[in-house]
Amino acid sequence: YNNMLQSLFDSQIKTLSIVLMGIFFMLFFLFRSFKIAFAAIMPNVIACFVILGSMGLLSIPLDLMTITIAAITIGIAVDNCIHYIYRYREYLTITGKHDETVIKCNETVGQAIKNTSYTIIAGFSILVISNFYPTIYFGLFTALAMIVALCGSLTLLPVILKKLITI
């Protein structure tokens, strides 16, 4: 049992490392900028660590279902950041001002991000009615991770972009 737990822990670290590196390089090739790739991945990394930290604080063990939550969350939530950054760059060239750009982004792509995130949150929340505890944890923590990633995409991401992108 201890060997299995150690193997799960090692697998979690390797999986997260591979997912984060893969997504970072994909973002770099997509946006052709290390700064923007860094900005796009930060809200997702924070959501990942909030979930893993919450599971640790609540003494929820890693098992075959809960070990995948962080990697799945990053994979799903990075879409929000990609959409936001594309629209941010588009509006920034039009307005030339970060504050106006953020307002326009939140009015347009921000609404779409919220709606899709709410749908994903509702979909994973359905798993809470299961009788199998690992499935309940998976649904609950994935939905929570999506909430954190949504908040990060709409609040933290614009702040990071303002700091990193020059006009």
Protein backbone atom coordinates (compact mmCIF):
# COMPACT_ATOMS: atom_id res chain seq x y z
CA TYR A 1 0.00 0.00 0.00
CA ASN A 2 2.84 2.40 0.84
CA ASN A 3 4.54 1.57 -2.46
CA MET A 4 1.30 2.32 -4.29
CA LEU A 5 0.92 5.66 -2.49
CA GLN A 6 4.52 6.59 -3.27
CA SER A 7 3.97 5.62 -6.89
CA LEU A 8 0.83 7.78 -7.05
CA PHE A 9 2.69 10.74 -5.55
CA ASP A 10 5.56 10.34 -8.02
CA SER A 11 3.06 10.00 -10.85
CA GLN A 12 1.31 13.20 -9.76
CA ILE A 13 4.54 15.17 -9.83
CA LYS A 14 5.58 13.78 -13.21
CA THR A 15 2.13 14.29 -14.73
CA LEU A 16 1.87 17.89 -13.56
CA SER A 17 5.38 18.66 -14.75
CA ILE A 18 4.74 17.21 -18.18
CA VAL A 19 1.35 18.91 -18.50
CA LEU A 20 2.70 22.30 -17.40
CA MET A 21 5.74 22.12 -19.67
CA GLY A 22 3.66 20.91 -22.61
CA ILE A 23 1.05 23.62 -22.20
CA PHE A 24 3.70 26.30 -21.62
CA PHE A 25 5.49 25.39 -24.86
CA MET A 26 2.18 25.20 -26.72
CA LEU A 27 1.35 28.69 -25.44
CA PHE A 28 4.80 29.91 -26.41
CA PHE A 29 4.38 28.65 -29.97
CA LEU A 30 0.83 30.00 -30.11
CA PHE A 31 1.65 33.52 -28.89
CA ARG A 32 5.38 33.60 -29.76
CA SER A 33 6.17 35.17 -26.41
CA PHE A 34 7.51 33.77 -23.16
CA LYS A 35 5.86 36.61 -21.25
CA ILE A 36 2.40 35.88 -22.61
CA ALA A 37 2.85 32.13 -22.16
CA PHE A 38 3.82 32.79 -18.54
CA ALA A 39 0.80 35.07 -18.07
CA ALA A 40 -1.55 32.49 -19.57
CA ILE A 41 -0.36 29.61 -17.43
CA MET A 42 -0.29 31.41 -14.06
CA PRO A 43 -4.06 31.38 -13.28
CA ASN A 44 -4.12 27.68 -14.11
CA VAL A 45 -1.13 26.85 -11.93
CA ILE A 46 -2.74 28.72 -9.05
CA ALA A 47 -6.00 26.78 -9.51
CA CYS A 48 -4.00 23.56 -9.54
CA PHE A 49 -2.21 24.36 -6.29
CA VAL A 50 -5.39 25.60 -4.60
CA ILE A 51 -7.00 22.24 -5.30
CA LEU A 52 -4.02 20.19 -4.20
CA GLY A 53 -3.66 22.38 -1.09
CA SER A 54 -7.35 22.02 -0.27
CA MET A 55 -7.13 18.27 -0.60
CA GLY A 56 -4.12 18.27 1.72
CA LEU A 57 -5.84 20.50 4.29
CA LEU A 58 -8.92 18.28 4.25
CA SER A 59 -6.75 15.13 4.48
CA ILE A 60 -8.21 13.71 1.29
CA PRO A 61 -5.82 11.06 0.03
CA LEU A 62 -4.56 10.82 -3.52
CA ASP A 63 -6.19 7.92 -5.33
CA LEU A 64 -6.80 6.97 -8.92
CA MET A 65 -9.55 9.59 -9.32
CA THR A 66 -8.19 12.53 -7.33
CA ILE A 67 -4.69 12.29 -8.77
CA THR A 68 -5.94 13.38 -12.19
CA ILE A 69 -7.83 16.48 -11.06
CA ALA A 70 -4.93 18.95 -11.31
CA ALA A 71 -3.83 17.87 -14.79
CA ILE A 72 -7.37 17.81 -16.14
CA THR A 73 -8.09 21.22 -14.64
CA ILE A 74 -5.07 22.80 -16.28
CA GLY A 75 -5.98 21.28 -19.61
CA ILE A 76 -9.54 22.58 -19.50
CA ALA A 77 -8.92 25.96 -17.87
CA VAL A 78 -6.11 27.05 -20.20
CA ASP A 79 -8.72 27.55 -22.93
CA ASN A 80 -10.15 30.50 -21.00
CA CYS A 81 -6.77 32.19 -20.90
CA ILE A 82 -6.13 31.61 -24.60
CA HIS A 83 -9.46 33.18 -25.57
CA TYR A 84 -8.92 36.10 -23.22
CA ILE A 85 -5.39 36.82 -24.44
CA TYR A 86 -6.38 36.71 -28.10
CA ARG A 87 -9.15 39.22 -27.50
CA TYR A 88 -6.94 41.29 -25.20
CA ARG A 89 -4.27 41.66 -27.87
CA GLU A 90 -6.88 42.51 -30.49
CA TYR A 91 -8.51 45.21 -28.37
CA LEU A 92 -5.18 46.57 -27.17
CA THR A 93 -4.16 47.38 -30.74
CA ILE A 94 -7.48 49.18 -31.24
CA THR A 95 -7.68 51.15 -27.97
CA GLY A 96 -4.02 51.44 -27.00
CA LYS A 97 -5.06 51.54 -23.32
CA HIS A 98 -4.96 48.62 -20.93
CA ASP A 99 -7.93 49.68 -18.81
CA GLU A 100 -10.25 50.13 -21.80
CA THR A 101 -9.02 46.84 -23.21
CA VAL A 102 -9.83 44.98 -19.99
CA ILE A 103 -13.32 46.49 -19.89
CA LYS A 104 -14.00 45.49 -23.50
CA CYS A 105 -12.59 42.00 -22.89
CA ASN A 106 -14.74 41.48 -19.81
CA GLU A 107 -17.83 42.65 -21.70
CA THR A 108 -17.24 40.30 -24.65
CA VAL A 109 -14.98 37.31 -24.17
CA GLY A 110 -15.38 37.51 -20.39
CA GLN A 111 -19.08 36.70 -20.73
CA ALA A 112 -18.33 33.73 -22.98
CA ILE A 113 -15.67 32.47 -20.56
CA LYS A 114 -18.11 32.72 -17.67
CA ASN A 115 -20.85 30.87 -19.51
CA THR A 116 -18.63 28.00 -20.62
CA SER A 117 -17.05 27.75 -17.17
CA TYR A 118 -20.45 27.64 -15.49
CA THR A 119 -21.44 24.80 -17.83
CA ILE A 120 -18.26 22.87 -17.02
CA ILE A 121 -18.73 23.51 -13.29
CA ALA A 122 -22.32 22.27 -13.45
CA GLY A 123 -21.26 19.19 -15.40
CA PHE A 124 -18.61 18.17 -12.89
CA SER A 125 -20.84 19.08 -9.94
CA ILE A 126 -23.29 16.37 -11.01
CA LEU A 127 -20.71 13.81 -9.88
CA VAL A 128 -21.41 14.84 -6.28
CA ILE A 129 -24.57 12.70 -6.28
CA SER A 130 -22.50 9.54 -6.80
CA ASN A 131 -22.23 6.92 -4.08
CA PHE A 132 -18.52 6.39 -4.73
CA TYR A 133 -16.38 8.79 -2.69
CA PRO A 134 -13.50 9.12 -5.18
CA THR A 135 -16.03 10.14 -7.86
CA ILE A 136 -17.59 12.67 -5.48
CA TYR A 137 -14.17 14.14 -4.72
CA PHE A 138 -13.30 14.23 -8.39
CA GLY A 139 -16.47 16.14 -9.27
CA LEU A 140 -16.30 18.48 -6.31
CA PHE A 141 -12.63 19.41 -6.64
CA THR A 142 -12.70 19.70 -10.41
CA ALA A 143 -15.67 22.07 -10.16
CA LEU A 144 -13.85 24.05 -7.45
CA ALA A 145 -10.73 24.18 -9.60
CA MET A 146 -12.76 25.53 -12.51
CA ILE A 147 -14.18 28.25 -10.25
CA VAL A 148 -10.68 29.25 -9.15
CA ALA A 149 -9.41 29.14 -12.75
CA LEU A 150 -12.35 31.29 -13.89
CA CYS A 151 -11.64 33.88 -11.21
CA GLY A 152 -7.96 33.84 -12.12
CA SER A 153 -8.70 34.27 -15.82
CA LEU A 154 -10.93 37.28 -15.25
CA THR A 155 -9.00 38.99 -12.44
CA LEU A 156 -5.37 37.88 -12.24
CA LEU A 157 -4.74 37.44 -15.97
CA PRO A 158 -5.58 41.07 -16.90
CA VAL A 159 -3.26 42.32 -14.13
CA ILE A 160 -0.41 40.11 -15.32
CA LEU A 161 -1.00 41.16 -18.93
CA LYS A 162 -0.92 44.81 -17.95
CA LYS A 163 2.45 44.29 -16.26
CA LEU A 164 4.00 42.21 -19.05
CA ILE A 165 2.65 43.61 -22.32
CA THR A 166 3.90 46.96 -23.49
CA ILE A 167 2.06 48.95 -26.11
